[in-house]
Amino acid sequence: MIRFSLRIPADLHERVTAQAAADRRSLNSEILHLLEVALATPPADAGTPGGDPASAAPLHGKPNSSPA
């Protein structure tokens, strides 16, 4: 395992520490868990080219029209 220092804002440290206590994990284990979950879950905008969160516009016709 690699050791490194991590600088995080005090409020984020408090939140992660509280979550670790609630989950009965060490701070290190909680951070690893959160990273693993975040990296295993595809981003919500994974299907949108360029990561643009805007919804796709219809190619032709009115917004609620069925394709002809």
PDB file of N, CA and C in Angstrom:
ATOM      1  N   MET A   1       0.837  -1.163   0.000  1.00  0.00           N
ATOM      2  CA  MET A   1       0.000   0.000   0.000  1.00  0.00           C
ATOM      3  C   MET A   1       0.894   1.242   0.000  1.00  0.00           C
ATOM      4  N   ILE A   2       0.468   2.269  -0.693  1.00  0.00           N
ATOM      5  CA  ILE A   2       1.230   3.512  -0.804  1.00  0.00           C
ATOM      6  C   ILE A   2       0.778   4.480   0.282  1.00  0.00           C
ATOM      7  N   ARG A   3       1.733   5.149   0.901  1.00  0.00           N
ATOM      8  CA  ARG A   3       1.437   6.174   1.901  1.00  0.00           C
ATOM      9  C   ARG A   3       1.623   7.541   1.261  1.00  0.00           C
ATOM     10  N   PHE A   4       0.688   8.448   1.518  1.00  0.00           N
ATOM     11  CA  PHE A   4       0.835   9.825   1.050  1.00  0.00           C
ATOM     12  C   PHE A   4       0.017  10.747   1.946  1.00  0.00           C
ATOM     13  N   SER A   5       0.353  12.017   1.897  1.00  0.00           N
ATOM     14  CA  SER A   5      -0.372  13.024   2.678  1.00  0.00           C
ATOM     15  C   SER A   5      -1.502  13.591   1.836  1.00  0.00           C
ATOM     16  N   LEU A   6      -2.586  13.901   2.493  1.00  0.00           N
ATOM     17  CA  LEU A   6      -3.749  14.460   1.814  1.00  0.00           C
ATOM     18  C   LEU A   6      -4.200  15.698   2.570  1.00  0.00           C
ATOM     19  N   ARG A   7      -4.324  16.796   1.867  1.00  0.00           N
ATOM     20  CA  ARG A   7      -4.806  18.030   2.484  1.00  0.00           C
ATOM     21  C   ARG A   7      -6.263  18.212   2.077  1.00  0.00           C
ATOM     22  N   ILE A   8      -7.138  18.319   3.077  1.00  0.00           N
ATOM     23  CA  ILE A   8      -8.555  18.542   2.806  1.00  0.00           C
ATOM     24  C   ILE A   8      -9.061  19.645   3.732  1.00  0.00           C
ATOM     25  N   PRO A   9     -10.100  20.351   3.331  1.00  0.00           N
ATOM     26  CA  PRO A   9     -10.665  21.390   4.185  1.00  0.00           C
ATOM     27  C   PRO A   9     -11.178  20.791   5.504  1.00  0.00           C
ATOM     28  N   ALA A  10     -11.129  21.586   6.560  1.00  0.00           N
ATOM     29  CA  ALA A  10     -11.529  21.119   7.892  1.00  0.00           C
ATOM     30  C   ALA A  10     -12.970  20.617   7.912  1.00  0.00           C
ATOM     31  N   ASP A  11     -13.876  21.302   7.213  1.00  0.00           N
ATOM     32  CA  ASP A  11     -15.276  20.871   7.236  1.00  0.00           C
ATOM     33  C   ASP A  11     -15.459  19.521   6.549  1.00  0.00           C
ATOM     34  N   LEU A  12     -14.720  19.266   5.479  1.00  0.00           N
ATOM     35  CA  LEU A  12     -14.796  17.969   4.812  1.00  0.00           C
ATOM     36  C   LEU A  12     -14.210  16.879   5.703  1.00  0.00           C
ATOM     37  N   HIS A  13     -13.128  17.188   6.387  1.00  0.00           N
ATOM     38  CA  HIS A  13     -12.523  16.237   7.327  1.00  0.00           C
ATOM     39  C   HIS A  13     -13.529  15.864   8.413  1.00  0.00           C
ATOM     40  N   GLU A  14     -14.239  16.850   8.942  1.00  0.00           N
ATOM     41  CA  GLU A  14     -15.253  16.587   9.969  1.00  0.00           C
ATOM     42  C   GLU A  14     -16.360  15.685   9.428  1.00  0.00           C
ATOM     43  N   ARG A  15     -16.808  15.949   8.202  1.00  0.00           N
ATOM     44  CA  ARG A  15     -17.879  15.137   7.611  1.00  0.00           C
ATOM     45  C   ARG A  15     -17.436  13.693   7.400  1.00  0.00           C
ATOM     46  N   VAL A  16     -16.237  13.505   6.871  1.00  0.00           N
ATOM     47  CA  VAL A  16     -15.739  12.151   6.615  1.00  0.00           C
ATOM     48  C   VAL A  16     -15.479  11.429   7.936  1.00  0.00           C
ATOM     49  N   THR A  17     -14.959  12.142   8.927  1.00  0.00           N
ATOM     50  CA  THR A  17     -14.716  11.544  10.242  1.00  0.00           C
ATOM     51  C   THR A  17     -16.033  11.100  10.875  1.00  0.00           C
ATOM     52  N   ALA A  18     -17.066  11.928  10.777  1.00  0.00           N
ATOM     53  CA  ALA A  18     -18.380  11.573  11.324  1.00  0.00           C
ATOM     54  C   ALA A  18     -18.964  10.367  10.593  1.00  0.00           C
ATOM     55  N   GLN A  19     -18.824  10.341   9.272  1.00  0.00           N
ATOM     56  CA  GLN A  19     -19.331   9.206   8.496  1.00  0.00           C
ATOM     57  C   GLN A  19     -18.575   7.932   8.844  1.00  0.00           C
ATOM     58  N   ALA A  20     -17.272   8.037   9.035  1.00  0.00           N
ATOM     59  CA  ALA A  20     -16.465   6.872   9.419  1.00  0.00           C
ATOM     60  C   ALA A  20     -16.931   6.323  10.762  1.00  0.00           C
ATOM     61  N   ALA A  21     -17.194   7.206  11.708  1.00  0.00           N
ATOM     62  CA  ALA A  21     -17.674   6.767  13.022  1.00  0.00           C
ATOM     63  C   ALA A  21     -19.039   6.093  12.897  1.00  0.00           C
ATOM     64  N   ALA A  22     -19.923   6.663  12.079  1.00  0.00           N
ATOM     65  CA  ALA A  22     -21.253   6.079  11.886  1.00  0.00           C
ATOM     66  C   ALA A  22     -21.171   4.704  11.233  1.00  0.00           C
ATOM     67  N   ASP A  23     -20.204   4.524  10.344  1.00  0.00           N
ATOM     68  CA  ASP A  23     -20.026   3.249   9.643  1.00  0.00           C
ATOM     69  C   ASP A  23     -19.087   2.301  10.384  1.00  0.00           C
ATOM     70  N   ARG A  24     -18.591   2.745  11.544  1.00  0.00           N
ATOM     71  CA  ARG A  24     -17.668   1.964  12.369  1.00  0.00           C
ATOM     72  C   ARG A  24     -16.423   1.560  11.580  1.00  0.00           C
ATOM     73  N   ARG A  25     -15.857   2.555  10.880  1.00  0.00           N
ATOM     74  CA  ARG A  25     -14.632   2.353  10.113  1.00  0.00           C
ATOM     75  C   ARG A  25     -13.597   3.367  10.588  1.00  0.00           C
ATOM     76  N   SER A  26     -12.338   3.071  10.317  1.00  0.00           N
ATOM     77  CA  SER A  26     -11.293   4.071  10.538  1.00  0.00           C
ATOM     78  C   SER A  26     -11.437   5.141   9.463  1.00  0.00           C
ATOM     79  N   LEU A  27     -10.829   6.278   9.690  1.00  0.00           N
ATOM     80  CA  LEU A  27     -10.873   7.345   8.696  1.00  0.00           C
ATOM     81  C   LEU A  27     -10.262   6.868   7.381  1.00  0.00           C
ATOM     82  N   ASN A  28      -9.148   6.157   7.457  1.00  0.00           N
ATOM     83  CA  ASN A  28      -8.501   5.628   6.256  1.00  0.00           C
ATOM     84  C   ASN A  28      -9.434   4.665   5.515  1.00  0.00           C
ATOM     85  N   SER A  29     -10.055   3.750   6.246  1.00  0.00           N
ATOM     86  CA  SER A  29     -10.961   2.782   5.614  1.00  0.00           C
ATOM     87  C   SER A  29     -12.164   3.474   4.985  1.00  0.00           C
ATOM     88  N   GLU A  30     -12.662   4.509   5.639  1.00  0.00           N
ATOM     89  CA  GLU A  30     -13.813   5.239   5.095  1.00  0.00           C
ATOM     90  C   GLU A  30     -13.441   5.941   3.792  1.00  0.00           C
ATOM     91  N   ILE A  31     -12.285   6.574   3.756  1.00  0.00           N
ATOM     92  CA  ILE A  31     -11.846   7.253   2.534  1.00  0.00           C
ATOM     93  C   ILE A  31     -11.649   6.241   1.409  1.00  0.00           C
ATOM     94  N   LEU A  32     -11.046   5.098   1.708  1.00  0.00           N
ATOM     95  CA  LEU A  32     -10.883   4.052   0.687  1.00  0.00           C
ATOM     96  C   LEU A  32     -12.239   3.568   0.184  1.00  0.00           C
ATOM     97  N   HIS A  33     -13.174   3.351   1.097  1.00  0.00           N
ATOM     98  CA  HIS A  33     -14.516   2.902   0.723  1.00  0.00           C
ATOM     99  C   HIS A  33     -15.189   3.930  -0.196  1.00  0.00           C
ATOM    100  N   LEU A  34     -15.128   5.204   0.191  1.00  0.00           N
ATOM    101  CA  LEU A  34     -15.754   6.249  -0.618  1.00  0.00           C
ATOM    102  C   LEU A  34     -15.126   6.338  -2.008  1.00  0.00           C
ATOM    103  N   LEU A  35     -13.815   6.208  -2.086  1.00  0.00           N
ATOM    104  CA  LEU A  35     -13.140   6.229  -3.388  1.00  0.00           C
ATOM    105  C   LEU A  35     -13.544   5.032  -4.241  1.00  0.00           C
ATOM    106  N   GLU A  36     -13.592   3.847  -3.636  1.00  0.00           N
ATOM    107  CA  GLU A  36     -13.970   2.646  -4.387  1.00  0.00           C
ATOM    108  C   GLU A  36     -15.391   2.756  -4.916  1.00  0.00           C
ATOM    109  N   VAL A  37     -16.318   3.239  -4.100  1.00  0.00           N
ATOM    110  CA  VAL A  37     -17.705   3.394  -4.531  1.00  0.00           C
ATOM    111  C   VAL A  37     -17.799   4.434  -5.647  1.00  0.00           C
ATOM    112  N   ALA A  38     -17.113   5.550  -5.474  1.00  0.00           N
ATOM    113  CA  ALA A  38     -17.160   6.616  -6.482  1.00  0.00           C
ATOM    114  C   ALA A  38     -16.578   6.160  -7.814  1.00  0.00           C
ATOM    115  N   LEU A  39     -15.513   5.392  -7.778  1.00  0.00           N
ATOM    116  CA  LEU A  39     -14.877   4.950  -9.017  1.00  0.00           C
ATOM    117  C   LEU A  39     -15.609   3.778  -9.661  1.00  0.00           C
ATOM    118  N   ALA A  40     -16.382   3.033  -8.892  1.00  0.00           N
ATOM    119  CA  ALA A  40     -17.129   1.898  -9.435  1.00  0.00           C
ATOM    120  C   ALA A  40     -18.442   2.342 -10.068  1.00  0.00           C
ATOM    121  N   THR A  41     -18.948   3.509  -9.686  1.00  0.00           N
ATOM    122  CA  THR A  41     -20.215   4.012 -10.198  1.00  0.00           C
ATOM    123  C   THR A  41     -19.955   4.901 -11.403  1.00  0.00           C
ATOM    124  N   PRO A  42     -20.553   4.572 -12.566  1.00  0.00           N
ATOM    125  CA  PRO A  42     -20.341   5.433 -13.729  1.00  0.00           C
ATOM    126  C   PRO A  42     -20.979   6.801 -13.487  1.00  0.00           C
ATOM    127  N   PRO A  43     -20.365   7.852 -13.980  1.00  0.00           N
ATOM    128  CA  PRO A  43     -20.935   9.192 -13.805  1.00  0.00           C
ATOM    129  C   PRO A  43     -22.311   9.280 -14.444  1.00  0.00           C
ATOM    130  N   ALA A  44     -23.172  10.126 -13.909  1.00  0.00           N
ATOM    131  CA  ALA A  44     -24.533  10.280 -14.424  1.00  0.00           C
ATOM    132  C   ALA A  44     -24.536  10.758 -15.869  1.00  0.00           C
ATOM    133  N   ASP A  45     -23.517  11.499 -16.280  1.00  0.00           N
ATOM    134  CA  ASP A  45     -23.480  12.033 -17.638  1.00  0.00           C
ATOM    135  C   ASP A  45     -22.581  11.219 -18.562  1.00  0.00           C
ATOM    136  N   ALA A  46     -22.356   9.955 -18.230  1.00  0.00           N
ATOM    137  CA  ALA A  46     -21.439   9.121 -19.012  1.00  0.00           C
ATOM    138  C   ALA A  46     -21.903   8.937 -20.455  1.00  0.00           C
ATOM    139  N   GLY A  47     -23.223   8.988 -20.701  1.00  0.00           N
ATOM    140  CA  GLY A  47     -23.725   8.775 -22.046  1.00  0.00           C
ATOM    141  C   GLY A  47     -23.752  10.027 -22.900  1.00  0.00           C
ATOM    142  N   THR A  48     -23.434  11.169 -22.307  1.00  0.00           N
ATOM    143  CA  THR A  48     -23.481  12.422 -23.039  1.00  0.00           C
ATOM    144  C   THR A  48     -22.089  12.790 -23.520  1.00  0.00           C
ATOM    145  N   PRO A  49     -21.891  12.975 -24.816  1.00  0.00           N
ATOM    146  CA  PRO A  49     -20.563  13.345 -25.309  1.00  0.00           C
ATOM    147  C   PRO A  49     -20.065  14.623 -24.644  1.00  0.00           C
ATOM    148  N   GLY A  50     -18.821  14.614 -24.232  1.00  0.00           N
ATOM    149  CA  GLY A  50     -18.232  15.787 -23.610  1.00  0.00           C
ATOM    150  C   GLY A  50     -18.689  16.024 -22.192  1.00  0.00           C
ATOM    151  N   GLY A  51     -19.524  15.131 -21.659  1.00  0.00           N
ATOM    152  CA  GLY A  51     -19.996  15.286 -20.298  1.00  0.00           C
ATOM    153  C   GLY A  51     -20.983  16.426 -20.127  1.00  0.00           C
ATOM    154  N   ASP A  52     -21.606  16.883 -21.206  1.00  0.00           N
ATOM    155  CA  ASP A  52     -22.560  17.982 -21.129  1.00  0.00           C
ATOM    156  C   ASP A  52     -23.835  17.490 -20.454  1.00  0.00           C
ATOM    157  N   PRO A  53     -24.252  18.116 -19.345  1.00  0.00           N
ATOM    158  CA  PRO A  53     -25.422  17.633 -18.624  1.00  0.00           C
ATOM    159  C   PRO A  53     -26.746  17.982 -19.285  1.00  0.00           C
ATOM    160  N   ALA A  54     -26.736  18.773 -20.351  1.00  0.00           N
ATOM    161  CA  ALA A  54     -27.980  19.145 -21.010  1.00  0.00           C
ATOM    162  C   ALA A  54     -28.643  17.922 -21.624  1.00  0.00           C
ATOM    163  N   SER A  55     -29.984  17.910 -21.620  1.00  0.00           N
ATOM    164  CA  SER A  55     -30.675  16.785 -22.236  1.00  0.00           C
ATOM    165  C   SER A  55     -30.659  16.945 -23.753  1.00  0.00           C
ATOM    166  N   ALA A  56     -30.666  15.823 -24.430  1.00  0.00           N
ATOM    167  CA  ALA A  56     -30.574  15.825 -25.887  1.00  0.00           C
ATOM    168  C   ALA A  56     -31.848  16.386 -26.501  1.00  0.00           C
ATOM    169  N   ALA A  57     -31.695  17.190 -27.526  1.00  0.00           N
ATOM    170  CA  ALA A  57     -32.834  17.742 -28.252  1.00  0.00           C
ATOM    171  C   ALA A  57     -33.250  16.745 -29.325  1.00  0.00           C
ATOM    172  N   PRO A  58     -34.543  16.724 -29.665  1.00  0.00           N
ATOM    173  CA  PRO A  58     -34.969  15.826 -30.736  1.00  0.00           C
ATOM    174  C   PRO A  58     -34.299  16.222 -32.052  1.00  0.00           C
ATOM    175  N   LEU A  59     -34.039  15.231 -32.890  1.00  0.00           N
ATOM    176  CA  LEU A  59     -33.371  15.494 -34.155  1.00  0.00           C
ATOM    177  C   LEU A  59     -34.295  16.171 -35.152  1.00  0.00           C
ATOM    178  N   HIS A  60     -35.581  15.859 -35.099  1.00  0.00           N
ATOM    179  CA  HIS A  60     -36.549  16.487 -35.984  1.00  0.00           C
ATOM    180  C   HIS A  60     -37.918  16.397 -35.353  1.00  0.00           C
ATOM    181  N   GLY A  61     -38.830  17.223 -35.805  1.00  0.00           N
ATOM    182  CA  GLY A  61     -40.181  17.205 -35.273  1.00  0.00           C
ATOM    183  C   GLY A  61     -40.298  17.995 -33.987  1.00  0.00           C
ATOM    184  N   LYS A  62     -41.498  17.943 -33.426  1.00  0.00           N
ATOM    185  CA  LYS A  62     -41.765  18.649 -32.180  1.00  0.00           C
ATOM    186  C   LYS A  62     -41.226  17.829 -31.010  1.00  0.00           C
ATOM    187  N   PRO A  63     -41.004  18.453 -29.846  1.00  0.00           N
ATOM    188  CA  PRO A  63     -40.394  17.747 -28.717  1.00  0.00           C
ATOM    189  C   PRO A  63     -41.079  16.435 -28.336  1.00  0.00           C
ATOM    190  N   ASN A  64     -42.402  16.362 -28.405  1.00  0.00           N
ATOM    191  CA  ASN A  64     -43.096  15.140 -28.000  1.00  0.00           C
ATOM    192  C   ASN A  64     -43.674  14.370 -29.179  1.00  0.00           C
ATOM    193  N   SER A  65     -43.219  14.655 -30.384  1.00  0.00           N
ATOM    194  CA  SER A  65     -43.756  13.958 -31.545  1.00  0.00           C
ATOM    195  C   SER A  65     -43.079  12.607 -31.713  1.00  0.00           C
ATOM    196  N   SER A  66     -43.822  11.664 -32.266  1.00  0.00           N
ATOM    197  CA  SER A  66     -43.235  10.354 -32.526  1.00  0.00           C
ATOM    198  C   SER A  66     -42.512  10.403 -33.866  1.00  0.00           C
ATOM    199  N   PRO A  67     -41.485   9.577 -34.039  1.00  0.00           N
ATOM    200  CA  PRO A  67     -40.752   9.579 -35.309  1.00  0.00           C
ATOM    201  C   PRO A  67     -41.647   9.155 -36.457  1.00  0.00           C
ATOM    202  N   ALA A  68     -41.477   9.780 -37.602  1.00  0.00           N
ATOM    203  CA  ALA A  68     -42.309   9.463 -38.765  1.00  0.00           C
ATOM    204  C   ALA A  68     -41.676   8.400 -39.607  1.00  0.00           C
TER     205      ALA A  68
END
